[in-house]
């Protein structure tokens, strides 16, 4: 059965998934890039994101690699797709990832404003969904063709799916940094009442990896 998964989603010790004052110049907010020091050196990220032939292996790479296995479609919030707010004035913004994004599948972007699908190189097509999280999930599951659906983020998108108990598995990496403020991942959620338990926890020198599973 197709699962809805969150993978490689990093938060600070104090629970923030991004720093304050996000902008085009600072898409992860002030201090946000420090969250991902565990991921960027891994072989998976070096090859998938940067096209380089090598990188570090070990615990961090194991979790990075599992995040790309058996994924047939993605869902993301509009804030993850880009910094543009309000109606789409034009189609000039095409994402953070260049003309050949890392997804290589169909990606369903939650938004309140319609936009035509955006076909990119490498098999990625961004679809802009205006009728809510359930509609996006239904379309993503159909596009995944039996594989899993991965939620890329951001935090608000993950919270919406958690509230509805739609996420089957959630991999969180806790980075040893403090942000003080920013975008909290679990704000307003009672994960116990929602039926989630921690089924795996592994530490590396750069992060503590937790897997939460819906019971």
N, C-alpha and C. Protein backbone atom coordinates (compact mmCIF):
# COMPACT_ATOMS: atom_id res chain seq x y z
N UNK A 1 0.84 -1.20 0.00
CA UNK A 1 0.00 0.00 0.00
C UNK A 1 0.88 1.25 0.00
N UNK A 2 0.46 2.25 -0.73
CA UNK A 2 1.21 3.49 -0.81
C UNK A 2 1.24 4.19 0.55
N UNK A 3 2.44 4.56 1.01
CA UNK A 3 2.60 5.28 2.26
C UNK A 3 2.82 6.76 1.98
N UNK A 4 2.44 7.57 2.95
CA UNK A 4 2.77 8.99 2.93
C UNK A 4 3.89 9.19 3.94
N UNK A 5 5.05 9.65 3.47
CA UNK A 5 6.25 9.73 4.30
C UNK A 5 6.84 11.13 4.32
N UNK A 6 7.43 11.45 5.44
CA UNK A 6 8.31 12.61 5.56
C UNK A 6 9.70 12.08 5.79
N UNK A 7 10.67 12.58 5.04
CA UNK A 7 12.04 12.08 5.14
C UNK A 7 13.01 13.25 5.25
N UNK A 8 14.06 13.03 6.04
CA UNK A 8 15.19 13.97 6.11
C UNK A 8 14.74 15.38 6.50
N UNK A 9 13.70 15.48 7.31
CA UNK A 9 13.24 16.80 7.71
C UNK A 9 13.95 17.20 8.99
N UNK A 10 14.69 18.29 8.91
CA UNK A 10 15.60 18.65 10.00
C UNK A 10 15.02 19.77 10.85
N UNK A 11 15.16 19.62 12.16
CA UNK A 11 14.78 20.68 13.08
C UNK A 11 15.93 20.95 14.04
N UNK A 12 15.87 22.11 14.67
CA UNK A 12 16.86 22.47 15.67
C UNK A 12 16.51 21.81 17.00
N UNK A 13 17.42 21.91 17.96
CA UNK A 13 17.14 21.36 19.29
C UNK A 13 15.87 21.97 19.88
N UNK A 14 15.64 23.26 19.60
CA UNK A 14 14.45 23.92 20.12
C UNK A 14 13.25 23.82 19.18
N UNK A 15 13.32 22.93 18.20
CA UNK A 15 12.13 22.54 17.46
C UNK A 15 11.79 23.32 16.21
N UNK A 16 12.72 24.13 15.71
CA UNK A 16 12.42 24.96 14.55
C UNK A 16 12.96 24.32 13.26
N UNK A 17 12.11 24.37 12.22
CA UNK A 17 12.48 23.77 10.93
C UNK A 17 13.12 24.78 9.99
N UNK A 18 13.06 26.04 10.31
CA UNK A 18 13.71 27.10 9.54
C UNK A 18 13.91 28.28 10.47
N UNK A 19 14.88 29.11 10.15
CA UNK A 19 15.13 30.29 10.94
C UNK A 19 14.20 31.42 10.59
N UNK A 20 14.26 32.53 11.33
CA UNK A 20 13.41 33.69 11.03
C UNK A 20 13.87 34.43 9.80
N UNK A 21 12.99 35.30 9.29
CA UNK A 21 13.32 36.23 8.20
C UNK A 21 13.72 35.51 6.92
N UNK A 22 12.91 34.53 6.51
CA UNK A 22 13.17 33.86 5.24
C UNK A 22 13.02 34.85 4.09
N UNK A 23 13.86 34.70 3.08
CA UNK A 23 13.84 35.60 1.93
C UNK A 23 14.46 34.89 0.75
N UNK A 24 14.46 35.57 -0.40
CA UNK A 24 15.09 35.01 -1.59
C UNK A 24 16.57 34.75 -1.34
N UNK A 25 17.21 35.65 -0.60
CA UNK A 25 18.64 35.50 -0.31
C UNK A 25 18.88 34.48 0.79
N UNK A 26 17.90 34.31 1.69
CA UNK A 26 18.04 33.38 2.81
C UNK A 26 16.81 32.48 2.86
N UNK A 27 16.72 31.51 1.93
CA UNK A 27 15.50 30.69 1.85
C UNK A 27 15.25 29.85 3.09
N UNK A 28 16.28 29.56 3.88
CA UNK A 28 16.11 28.79 5.11
C UNK A 28 16.04 29.69 6.35
N UNK A 29 16.02 31.00 6.14
CA UNK A 29 15.98 31.94 7.24
C UNK A 29 17.34 32.13 7.89
N UNK A 30 17.40 33.04 8.82
CA UNK A 30 18.66 33.32 9.53
C UNK A 30 19.05 32.09 10.35
N UNK A 31 20.23 31.57 10.11
CA UNK A 31 20.72 30.39 10.83
C UNK A 31 20.24 29.07 10.27
N UNK A 32 19.31 29.10 9.33
CA UNK A 32 18.72 27.87 8.81
C UNK A 32 19.70 26.90 8.16
N UNK A 33 20.65 27.37 7.36
CA UNK A 33 21.58 26.43 6.72
C UNK A 33 22.33 25.55 7.71
N UNK A 34 22.54 26.04 8.93
CA UNK A 34 23.24 25.23 9.93
C UNK A 34 22.50 23.97 10.32
N UNK A 35 21.19 23.93 10.07
CA UNK A 35 20.42 22.72 10.37
C UNK A 35 20.88 21.53 9.56
N UNK A 36 21.36 21.78 8.36
CA UNK A 36 21.56 20.71 7.38
C UNK A 36 23.02 20.29 7.22
N UNK A 37 23.84 20.60 8.21
CA UNK A 37 25.24 20.19 8.13
C UNK A 37 25.40 18.68 8.11
N UNK A 38 24.42 17.96 8.64
CA UNK A 38 24.50 16.49 8.61
C UNK A 38 24.25 15.96 7.20
N UNK A 39 23.43 16.65 6.42
CA UNK A 39 22.97 16.11 5.15
C UNK A 39 23.87 16.45 3.97
N UNK A 40 24.33 17.68 3.90
CA UNK A 40 25.04 18.13 2.71
C UNK A 40 26.29 17.31 2.38
N UNK A 41 27.06 16.84 3.37
CA UNK A 41 28.26 16.07 2.99
C UNK A 41 27.98 14.63 2.56
N UNK A 42 26.76 14.13 2.73
CA UNK A 42 26.50 12.72 2.45
C UNK A 42 26.62 12.42 0.96
N UNK A 43 26.93 11.18 0.68
CA UNK A 43 27.01 10.74 -0.72
C UNK A 43 25.69 10.97 -1.44
N UNK A 44 24.58 10.68 -0.75
CA UNK A 44 23.27 10.84 -1.38
C UNK A 44 23.02 12.28 -1.79
N UNK A 45 23.25 13.23 -0.89
CA UNK A 45 23.01 14.63 -1.23
C UNK A 45 24.01 15.14 -2.25
N UNK A 46 25.26 14.71 -2.15
CA UNK A 46 26.26 15.16 -3.12
C UNK A 46 25.91 14.70 -4.53
N UNK A 47 25.41 13.48 -4.66
CA UNK A 47 25.07 12.98 -5.99
C UNK A 47 23.71 13.47 -6.46
N UNK A 48 22.71 13.45 -5.58
CA UNK A 48 21.35 13.82 -5.98
C UNK A 48 21.21 15.33 -6.21
N UNK A 49 21.80 16.14 -5.33
CA UNK A 49 21.60 17.58 -5.39
C UNK A 49 22.68 18.30 -6.18
N UNK A 50 23.91 17.80 -6.08
CA UNK A 50 25.02 18.56 -6.64
C UNK A 50 25.70 17.88 -7.81
N UNK A 51 25.27 16.66 -8.13
CA UNK A 51 25.83 15.97 -9.29
C UNK A 51 27.27 15.56 -9.13
N UNK A 52 27.74 15.41 -7.89
CA UNK A 52 29.12 15.01 -7.65
C UNK A 52 29.20 13.51 -7.44
N UNK A 53 30.33 12.89 -7.76
CA UNK A 53 30.39 11.43 -7.77
C UNK A 53 30.59 10.78 -6.42
N UNK A 54 30.86 11.55 -5.37
CA UNK A 54 31.21 10.92 -4.10
C UNK A 54 30.73 11.78 -2.94
N UNK A 55 30.84 11.25 -1.74
CA UNK A 55 30.45 11.94 -0.52
C UNK A 55 30.60 10.99 0.65
N UNK A 56 30.23 11.47 1.82
CA UNK A 56 30.41 10.67 3.03
C UNK A 56 29.34 9.57 3.13
N UNK A 57 29.76 8.43 3.66
CA UNK A 57 28.83 7.35 3.95
C UNK A 57 28.68 7.23 5.47
N UNK A 58 27.81 6.33 5.91
CA UNK A 58 27.59 6.15 7.34
C UNK A 58 26.14 6.39 7.71
N UNK A 59 25.88 6.68 8.98
CA UNK A 59 24.52 6.81 9.49
C UNK A 59 23.76 7.90 8.77
N UNK A 60 24.35 9.08 8.63
CA UNK A 60 23.65 10.18 7.98
C UNK A 60 23.30 9.83 6.54
N UNK A 61 24.22 9.23 5.83
CA UNK A 61 23.94 8.87 4.44
C UNK A 61 22.90 7.77 4.35
N UNK A 62 22.89 6.86 5.30
CA UNK A 62 21.86 5.81 5.30
C UNK A 62 20.46 6.43 5.35
N UNK A 63 20.29 7.42 6.22
CA UNK A 63 18.98 8.06 6.32
C UNK A 63 18.69 8.94 5.11
N UNK A 64 19.70 9.59 4.58
CA UNK A 64 19.48 10.39 3.36
C UNK A 64 19.06 9.50 2.20
N UNK A 65 19.71 8.35 2.07
CA UNK A 65 19.43 7.46 0.94
C UNK A 65 18.04 6.86 1.04
N UNK A 66 17.61 6.49 2.24
CA UNK A 66 16.28 5.88 2.38
C UNK A 66 15.18 6.86 1.99
N UNK A 67 15.47 8.15 2.09
CA UNK A 67 14.47 9.16 1.75
C UNK A 67 14.12 9.20 0.27
N UNK A 68 14.97 8.63 -0.57
CA UNK A 68 14.71 8.63 -2.01
C UNK A 68 14.22 7.27 -2.52
N UNK A 69 14.18 6.28 -1.64
CA UNK A 69 13.78 4.94 -2.08
C UNK A 69 12.26 4.83 -2.19
N UNK A 70 11.83 4.23 -3.28
CA UNK A 70 10.40 3.90 -3.49
C UNK A 70 9.50 5.12 -3.43
N UNK A 71 10.00 6.26 -3.88
CA UNK A 71 9.19 7.48 -3.90
C UNK A 71 8.69 7.70 -5.32
N UNK A 72 7.37 7.75 -5.47
CA UNK A 72 6.78 7.90 -6.79
C UNK A 72 6.19 9.27 -7.05
N UNK A 73 6.03 10.09 -6.02
CA UNK A 73 5.51 11.45 -6.17
C UNK A 73 5.82 12.23 -4.90
N UNK A 74 5.77 13.55 -5.02
CA UNK A 74 6.06 14.44 -3.89
C UNK A 74 4.91 15.42 -3.68
N UNK A 75 4.80 15.90 -2.44
CA UNK A 75 3.92 17.01 -2.09
C UNK A 75 4.75 18.04 -1.35
N UNK A 76 4.50 19.30 -1.64
CA UNK A 76 5.18 20.37 -0.90
C UNK A 76 4.27 21.57 -0.78
N UNK A 77 4.57 22.41 0.19
CA UNK A 77 3.86 23.67 0.34
C UNK A 77 4.42 24.72 -0.60
N UNK A 78 3.63 25.75 -0.80
CA UNK A 78 4.07 26.81 -1.70
C UNK A 78 5.34 27.50 -1.21
N UNK A 79 5.47 27.66 0.12
CA UNK A 79 6.66 28.33 0.64
C UNK A 79 7.92 27.54 0.33
N UNK A 80 7.81 26.21 0.23
CA UNK A 80 8.99 25.43 -0.14
C UNK A 80 9.30 25.59 -1.62
N UNK A 81 8.27 25.75 -2.44
CA UNK A 81 8.50 25.93 -3.87
C UNK A 81 9.20 27.26 -4.16
N UNK A 82 8.89 28.29 -3.39
CA UNK A 82 9.55 29.56 -3.67
C UNK A 82 9.05 30.69 -2.79
N UNK A 83 9.65 31.89 -2.94
CA UNK A 83 9.33 33.02 -2.07
C UNK A 83 8.17 33.87 -2.58
N UNK A 84 7.59 33.56 -3.73
CA UNK A 84 6.54 34.39 -4.32
C UNK A 84 5.27 34.23 -3.50
N UNK A 85 4.60 35.32 -3.17
CA UNK A 85 3.37 35.29 -2.40
C UNK A 85 2.22 35.86 -3.22
N UNK A 86 1.00 35.45 -2.86
CA UNK A 86 -0.17 35.96 -3.55
C UNK A 86 -0.35 35.34 -4.92
N UNK A 87 -1.18 35.95 -5.77
CA UNK A 87 -1.42 35.41 -7.11
C UNK A 87 -0.12 35.33 -7.92
N UNK A 88 -0.07 34.34 -8.80
CA UNK A 88 1.09 34.21 -9.69
C UNK A 88 0.99 35.28 -10.78
N UNK A 89 1.79 36.30 -10.66
CA UNK A 89 1.74 37.39 -11.64
C UNK A 89 2.21 36.91 -13.00
N UNK A 90 3.23 36.07 -13.00
CA UNK A 90 3.73 35.46 -14.23
C UNK A 90 4.35 34.13 -13.86
N UNK A 91 4.93 33.46 -14.84
CA UNK A 91 5.52 32.14 -14.62
C UNK A 91 7.04 32.20 -14.51
N UNK A 92 7.57 33.37 -14.15
CA UNK A 92 9.03 33.52 -14.14
C UNK A 92 9.70 32.70 -13.03
N UNK A 93 9.00 32.53 -11.88
CA UNK A 93 9.60 31.73 -10.82
C UNK A 93 9.37 30.26 -11.10
N UNK A 94 10.47 29.50 -11.20
CA UNK A 94 10.41 28.09 -11.58
C UNK A 94 11.03 27.17 -10.53
N UNK A 95 11.11 27.66 -9.29
CA UNK A 95 11.65 26.86 -8.20
C UNK A 95 13.10 27.18 -7.92
N UNK A 96 13.58 26.62 -6.78
CA UNK A 96 14.95 26.88 -6.32
C UNK A 96 15.98 26.01 -7.04
N UNK A 97 15.57 25.03 -7.82
CA UNK A 97 16.45 23.91 -8.16
C UNK A 97 16.98 23.94 -9.59
N UNK A 98 16.75 25.03 -10.33
CA UNK A 98 17.20 25.07 -11.70
C UNK A 98 16.25 24.33 -12.63
N UNK A 99 16.68 24.14 -13.87
CA UNK A 99 15.79 23.56 -14.88
C UNK A 99 15.69 22.04 -14.77
N UNK A 100 16.55 21.42 -13.97
CA UNK A 100 16.49 19.96 -13.78
C UNK A 100 16.41 19.68 -12.28
N UNK A 101 15.23 19.82 -11.67
CA UNK A 101 15.11 19.64 -10.21
C UNK A 101 15.41 18.21 -9.79
N UNK A 102 15.59 18.05 -8.49
CA UNK A 102 16.05 16.77 -7.95
C UNK A 102 14.95 15.72 -7.87
N UNK A 103 13.71 16.07 -8.16
CA UNK A 103 12.58 15.19 -7.84
C UNK A 103 12.38 14.08 -8.87
N UNK A 104 12.43 14.42 -10.14
CA UNK A 104 12.29 13.43 -11.23
C UNK A 104 10.98 12.65 -11.14
N UNK A 105 9.95 13.28 -10.60
CA UNK A 105 8.62 12.71 -10.49
C UNK A 105 7.63 13.87 -10.63
N UNK A 106 6.37 13.57 -10.47
CA UNK A 106 5.37 14.62 -10.37
C UNK A 106 5.34 15.17 -8.94
N UNK A 107 5.29 16.49 -8.82
CA UNK A 107 5.32 17.17 -7.53
C UNK A 107 4.06 18.03 -7.43
N UNK A 108 3.36 17.91 -6.31
CA UNK A 108 2.09 18.60 -6.11
C UNK A 108 2.28 19.69 -5.07
N UNK A 109 2.13 20.94 -5.52
CA UNK A 109 2.41 22.12 -4.70
C UNK A 109 1.10 22.68 -4.19
N UNK A 110 0.95 22.77 -2.87
CA UNK A 110 -0.24 23.34 -2.26
C UNK A 110 -0.22 24.86 -2.38
N UNK A 111 -1.29 25.41 -2.88
CA UNK A 111 -1.37 26.86 -3.06
C UNK A 111 -2.83 27.28 -3.08
N UNK A 112 -3.09 28.58 -2.85
CA UNK A 112 -4.44 29.11 -2.97
C UNK A 112 -4.67 29.75 -4.34
N UNK A 113 -3.64 29.77 -5.17
CA UNK A 113 -3.72 30.51 -6.42
C UNK A 113 -3.38 29.59 -7.60
N UNK A 114 -4.28 29.47 -8.57
CA UNK A 114 -4.07 28.52 -9.67
C UNK A 114 -2.89 28.93 -10.56
N UNK A 115 -2.28 27.91 -11.11
CA UNK A 115 -1.19 28.10 -12.07
C UNK A 115 -1.11 26.84 -12.92
N UNK A 116 -0.77 27.00 -14.19
CA UNK A 116 -0.65 25.86 -15.08
C UNK A 116 0.52 24.97 -14.65
N UNK A 117 0.44 23.65 -14.92
CA UNK A 117 1.56 22.77 -14.58
C UNK A 117 2.87 23.26 -15.21
N UNK A 118 3.95 23.03 -14.47
CA UNK A 118 5.27 23.47 -14.90
C UNK A 118 6.12 22.24 -15.19
N UNK A 119 6.39 22.01 -16.46
CA UNK A 119 7.15 20.84 -16.88
C UNK A 119 8.63 21.20 -16.93
N UNK A 120 9.44 20.43 -16.22
CA UNK A 120 10.87 20.69 -16.13
C UNK A 120 11.65 19.55 -16.76
N UNK A 121 12.94 19.71 -16.81
CA UNK A 121 13.81 18.64 -17.32
C UNK A 121 13.88 17.50 -16.31
N UNK A 122 14.25 16.31 -16.80
CA UNK A 122 14.52 15.19 -15.91
C UNK A 122 13.29 14.48 -15.38
N UNK A 123 12.10 14.79 -15.93
CA UNK A 123 10.90 14.09 -15.50
C UNK A 123 10.12 14.75 -14.39
N UNK A 124 10.54 15.93 -13.93
CA UNK A 124 9.81 16.64 -12.88
C UNK A 124 8.72 17.52 -13.50
N UNK A 125 7.50 17.40 -13.00
CA UNK A 125 6.42 18.32 -13.34
C UNK A 125 5.80 18.82 -12.05
N UNK A 126 5.74 20.14 -11.89
CA UNK A 126 5.09 20.75 -10.73
C UNK A 126 3.62 21.01 -11.06
N UNK A 127 2.73 20.47 -10.23
CA UNK A 127 1.30 20.71 -10.35
C UNK A 127 0.86 21.57 -9.17
N UNK A 128 0.07 22.58 -9.43
CA UNK A 128 -0.32 23.53 -8.39
C UNK A 128 -1.76 23.24 -7.99
N UNK A 129 -1.92 22.78 -6.74
CA UNK A 129 -3.19 22.25 -6.25
C UNK A 129 -3.86 23.29 -5.36
N UNK A 130 -5.08 23.68 -5.72
CA UNK A 130 -5.77 24.74 -4.98
C UNK A 130 -6.92 24.22 -4.12
N UNK A 131 -7.19 22.90 -4.15
CA UNK A 131 -8.36 22.40 -3.43
C UNK A 131 -7.99 21.54 -2.23
N UNK A 132 -6.84 21.81 -1.60
CA UNK A 132 -6.55 21.28 -0.29
C UNK A 132 -5.67 20.05 -0.24
N UNK A 133 -5.35 19.66 1.01
CA UNK A 133 -4.35 18.61 1.21
C UNK A 133 -4.85 17.24 0.78
N UNK A 134 -6.14 16.97 0.96
CA UNK A 134 -6.65 15.66 0.57
C UNK A 134 -6.66 15.49 -0.94
N UNK A 135 -7.01 16.54 -1.66
CA UNK A 135 -6.98 16.48 -3.12
C UNK A 135 -5.55 16.28 -3.61
N UNK A 136 -4.60 16.98 -2.98
CA UNK A 136 -3.20 16.81 -3.38
C UNK A 136 -2.73 15.40 -3.13
N UNK A 137 -3.11 14.83 -1.99
CA UNK A 137 -2.70 13.46 -1.67
C UNK A 137 -3.33 12.46 -2.63
N UNK A 138 -4.58 12.65 -2.97
CA UNK A 138 -5.24 11.73 -3.90
C UNK A 138 -4.53 11.75 -5.26
N UNK A 139 -4.22 12.95 -5.74
CA UNK A 139 -3.53 13.05 -7.02
C UNK A 139 -2.12 12.49 -6.96
N UNK A 140 -1.44 12.75 -5.84
CA UNK A 140 -0.07 12.24 -5.70
C UNK A 140 -0.04 10.72 -5.64
N UNK A 141 -0.99 10.12 -4.93
CA UNK A 141 -1.04 8.66 -4.86
C UNK A 141 -1.30 8.06 -6.24
N UNK A 142 -2.17 8.68 -7.00
CA UNK A 142 -2.42 8.18 -8.35
C UNK A 142 -1.16 8.29 -9.21
N UNK A 143 -0.45 9.42 -9.08
CA UNK A 143 0.77 9.61 -9.86
C UNK A 143 1.89 8.68 -9.42
N UNK A 144 1.90 8.30 -8.13
CA UNK A 144 2.98 7.46 -7.61
C UNK A 144 2.91 6.03 -8.15
N UNK A 145 1.74 5.62 -8.64
CA UNK A 145 1.60 4.32 -9.30
C UNK A 145 2.10 3.17 -8.43
N UNK A 146 1.64 3.16 -7.17
CA UNK A 146 2.00 2.07 -6.25
C UNK A 146 3.19 2.35 -5.37
N UNK A 147 3.99 3.35 -5.70
CA UNK A 147 5.10 3.73 -4.84
C UNK A 147 4.60 4.69 -3.75
N UNK A 148 5.51 5.12 -2.88
CA UNK A 148 5.15 6.01 -1.78
C UNK A 148 5.12 7.46 -2.23
N UNK A 149 4.46 8.27 -1.43
CA UNK A 149 4.43 9.72 -1.62
C UNK A 149 5.24 10.36 -0.51
N UNK A 150 6.13 11.26 -0.89
CA UNK A 150 6.97 11.94 0.10
C UNK A 150 6.55 13.40 0.20
N UNK A 151 6.40 13.87 1.45
CA UNK A 151 6.17 15.29 1.70
C UNK A 151 7.52 15.97 1.89
N UNK A 152 7.79 16.97 1.07
CA UNK A 152 9.06 17.66 1.18
C UNK A 152 9.06 18.73 2.26
N UNK A 153 7.93 19.29 2.58
CA UNK A 153 7.85 20.37 3.55
C UNK A 153 7.01 21.51 2.99
N UNK A 154 6.99 22.65 3.61
CA UNK A 154 7.64 22.94 4.87
C UNK A 154 6.85 22.49 6.08
N UNK A 155 7.18 23.12 7.21
CA UNK A 155 6.62 22.71 8.49
C UNK A 155 5.10 22.81 8.52
N UNK A 156 4.54 23.88 7.97
CA UNK A 156 3.09 24.04 8.01
C UNK A 156 2.40 22.95 7.22
N UNK A 157 2.96 22.57 6.08
CA UNK A 157 2.38 21.49 5.28
C UNK A 157 2.40 20.18 6.06
N UNK A 158 3.51 19.89 6.70
CA UNK A 158 3.60 18.65 7.50
C UNK A 158 2.59 18.68 8.64
N UNK A 159 2.45 19.82 9.31
CA UNK A 159 1.48 19.92 10.40
C UNK A 159 0.05 19.65 9.92
N UNK A 160 -0.28 20.16 8.75
CA UNK A 160 -1.64 19.93 8.23
C UNK A 160 -1.90 18.44 8.03
N UNK A 161 -0.94 17.72 7.48
CA UNK A 161 -1.13 16.30 7.26
C UNK A 161 -1.08 15.51 8.57
N UNK A 162 -0.27 15.95 9.51
CA UNK A 162 -0.23 15.28 10.81
C UNK A 162 -1.56 15.43 11.54
N UNK A 163 -2.16 16.61 11.50
CA UNK A 163 -3.43 16.81 12.19
C UNK A 163 -4.50 15.83 11.71
N UNK A 164 -4.43 15.48 10.45
CA UNK A 164 -5.41 14.55 9.87
C UNK A 164 -4.95 13.09 9.96
N UNK A 165 -3.84 12.85 10.62
CA UNK A 165 -3.28 11.49 10.79
C UNK A 165 -3.05 10.81 9.44
N UNK A 166 -2.62 11.57 8.47
CA UNK A 166 -2.42 11.04 7.13
C UNK A 166 -0.99 10.58 6.89
N UNK A 167 -0.05 11.06 7.70
CA UNK A 167 1.35 10.67 7.52
C UNK A 167 1.58 9.32 8.19
N UNK A 168 2.13 8.39 7.44
CA UNK A 168 2.41 7.06 7.96
C UNK A 168 3.73 7.00 8.71
N UNK A 169 4.73 7.73 8.21
CA UNK A 169 6.07 7.65 8.80
C UNK A 169 6.77 8.98 8.64
N UNK A 170 7.46 9.37 9.69
CA UNK A 170 8.09 10.69 9.74
C UNK A 170 9.53 10.53 10.24
N UNK A 171 10.49 10.81 9.35
CA UNK A 171 11.90 10.81 9.76
C UNK A 171 12.32 12.25 10.06
N UNK A 172 12.70 12.48 11.31
CA UNK A 172 13.16 13.79 11.76
C UNK A 172 14.63 13.69 12.12
N UNK A 173 15.43 14.63 11.63
CA UNK A 173 16.82 14.76 12.06
C UNK A 173 16.92 15.98 12.96
N UNK A 174 17.39 15.78 14.18
CA UNK A 174 17.57 16.90 15.12
C UNK A 174 19.02 17.32 15.06
N UNK A 175 19.21 18.54 14.60
CA UNK A 175 20.57 19.07 14.45
C UNK A 175 20.98 19.79 15.73
N UNK A 176 22.24 19.68 16.15
CA UNK A 176 22.67 20.27 17.43
C UNK A 176 22.92 21.77 17.33
N UNK A 177 21.88 22.49 16.92
CA UNK A 177 21.94 23.95 16.87
C UNK A 177 20.68 24.51 17.53
N UNK A 178 20.77 25.73 18.00
CA UNK A 178 19.62 26.45 18.55
C UNK A 178 19.33 27.64 17.64
N UNK A 179 18.05 27.82 17.29
CA UNK A 179 17.67 28.95 16.44
C UNK A 179 16.95 30.04 17.23
N UNK A 180 16.33 29.69 18.35
CA UNK A 180 15.68 30.70 19.18
C UNK A 180 14.28 31.05 18.73
N UNK A 181 14.08 31.12 17.42
CA UNK A 181 12.78 31.43 16.84
C UNK A 181 12.79 30.94 15.40
N UNK A 182 11.65 31.01 14.75
CA UNK A 182 11.55 30.55 13.37
C UNK A 182 10.25 29.81 13.13
N UNK A 183 10.30 28.74 12.35
CA UNK A 183 9.12 27.97 11.98
C UNK A 183 9.08 26.68 12.79
N UNK A 184 8.22 26.59 13.82
CA UNK A 184 8.19 25.39 14.66
C UNK A 184 7.47 24.25 13.96
N UNK A 185 8.01 23.04 14.08
CA UNK A 185 7.41 21.90 13.39
C UNK A 185 6.17 21.39 14.10
N UNK A 186 6.22 21.21 15.42
CA UNK A 186 5.15 20.53 16.13
C UNK A 186 4.23 21.47 16.89
N UNK A 187 4.24 22.74 16.52
CA UNK A 187 3.43 23.74 17.21
C UNK A 187 1.94 23.36 17.19
N UNK A 188 1.34 23.25 18.38
CA UNK A 188 -0.09 22.98 18.49
C UNK A 188 -0.49 21.53 18.28
N UNK A 189 0.48 20.62 18.19
CA UNK A 189 0.17 19.21 17.94
C UNK A 189 0.43 18.38 19.18
N UNK A 190 -0.44 17.40 19.43
CA UNK A 190 -0.21 16.39 20.45
C UNK A 190 0.01 15.07 19.71
N UNK A 191 1.26 14.71 19.50
CA UNK A 191 1.56 13.54 18.68
C UNK A 191 1.09 12.24 19.33
N UNK A 192 1.06 12.21 20.65
CA UNK A 192 0.57 11.01 21.33
C UNK A 192 -0.91 10.82 21.03
N UNK A 193 -1.70 11.87 21.17
CA UNK A 193 -3.13 11.77 20.88
C UNK A 193 -3.38 11.45 19.41
N UNK A 194 -2.48 11.89 18.55
CA UNK A 194 -2.63 11.61 17.13
C UNK A 194 -2.19 10.19 16.76
N UNK A 195 -1.60 9.48 17.73
CA UNK A 195 -1.27 8.08 17.50
C UNK A 195 0.12 7.80 16.98
N UNK A 196 1.06 8.73 17.21
CA UNK A 196 2.42 8.53 16.72
C UNK A 196 3.34 8.08 17.86
N UNK A 197 4.22 7.15 17.54
CA UNK A 197 5.22 6.69 18.50
C UNK A 197 6.59 6.70 17.82
N UNK A 198 7.63 6.80 18.63
CA UNK A 198 9.00 6.74 18.12
C UNK A 198 9.40 5.28 17.98
N UNK A 199 9.69 4.87 16.76
CA UNK A 199 10.03 3.48 16.49
C UNK A 199 11.51 3.28 16.16
N UNK A 200 12.26 4.37 16.03
CA UNK A 200 13.70 4.24 15.79
C UNK A 200 14.39 5.54 16.21
N UNK A 201 15.57 5.41 16.82
CA UNK A 201 16.37 6.59 17.11
C UNK A 201 17.84 6.20 17.03
N UNK A 202 18.57 6.96 16.24
CA UNK A 202 19.99 6.68 15.99
C UNK A 202 20.73 8.01 15.98
N UNK A 203 21.88 8.07 16.64
CA UNK A 203 22.67 9.30 16.68
C UNK A 203 23.92 9.16 15.82
N UNK A 204 24.24 10.24 15.14
CA UNK A 204 25.52 10.37 14.43
C UNK A 204 26.25 11.56 15.04
N UNK A 205 27.49 11.82 14.64
CA UNK A 205 28.17 13.00 15.18
C UNK A 205 27.49 14.32 14.84
N UNK A 206 26.66 14.35 13.79
CA UNK A 206 26.07 15.61 13.35
C UNK A 206 24.57 15.73 13.60
N UNK A 207 23.89 14.65 13.96
CA UNK A 207 22.44 14.72 14.13
C UNK A 207 21.93 13.52 14.91
N UNK A 208 20.74 13.66 15.47
CA UNK A 208 20.01 12.54 16.05
C UNK A 208 18.82 12.26 15.14
N UNK A 209 18.73 11.04 14.66
CA UNK A 209 17.68 10.67 13.71
C UNK A 209 16.57 9.93 14.45
N UNK A 210 15.34 10.39 14.26
CA UNK A 210 14.16 9.79 14.87
C UNK A 210 13.18 9.39 13.77
N UNK A 211 12.57 8.23 13.93
CA UNK A 211 11.48 7.82 13.05
C UNK A 211 10.22 7.69 13.88
N UNK A 212 9.21 8.44 13.52
CA UNK A 212 7.90 8.38 14.17
C UNK A 212 6.94 7.65 13.24
N UNK A 213 6.19 6.71 13.81
CA UNK A 213 5.29 5.89 13.02
C UNK A 213 3.88 6.01 13.57
N UNK A 214 2.91 6.08 12.68
CA UNK A 214 1.52 6.12 13.11
C UNK A 214 1.04 4.70 13.46
N UNK A 215 0.47 4.57 14.62
CA UNK A 215 0.03 3.26 15.06
C UNK A 215 -1.42 3.02 14.66
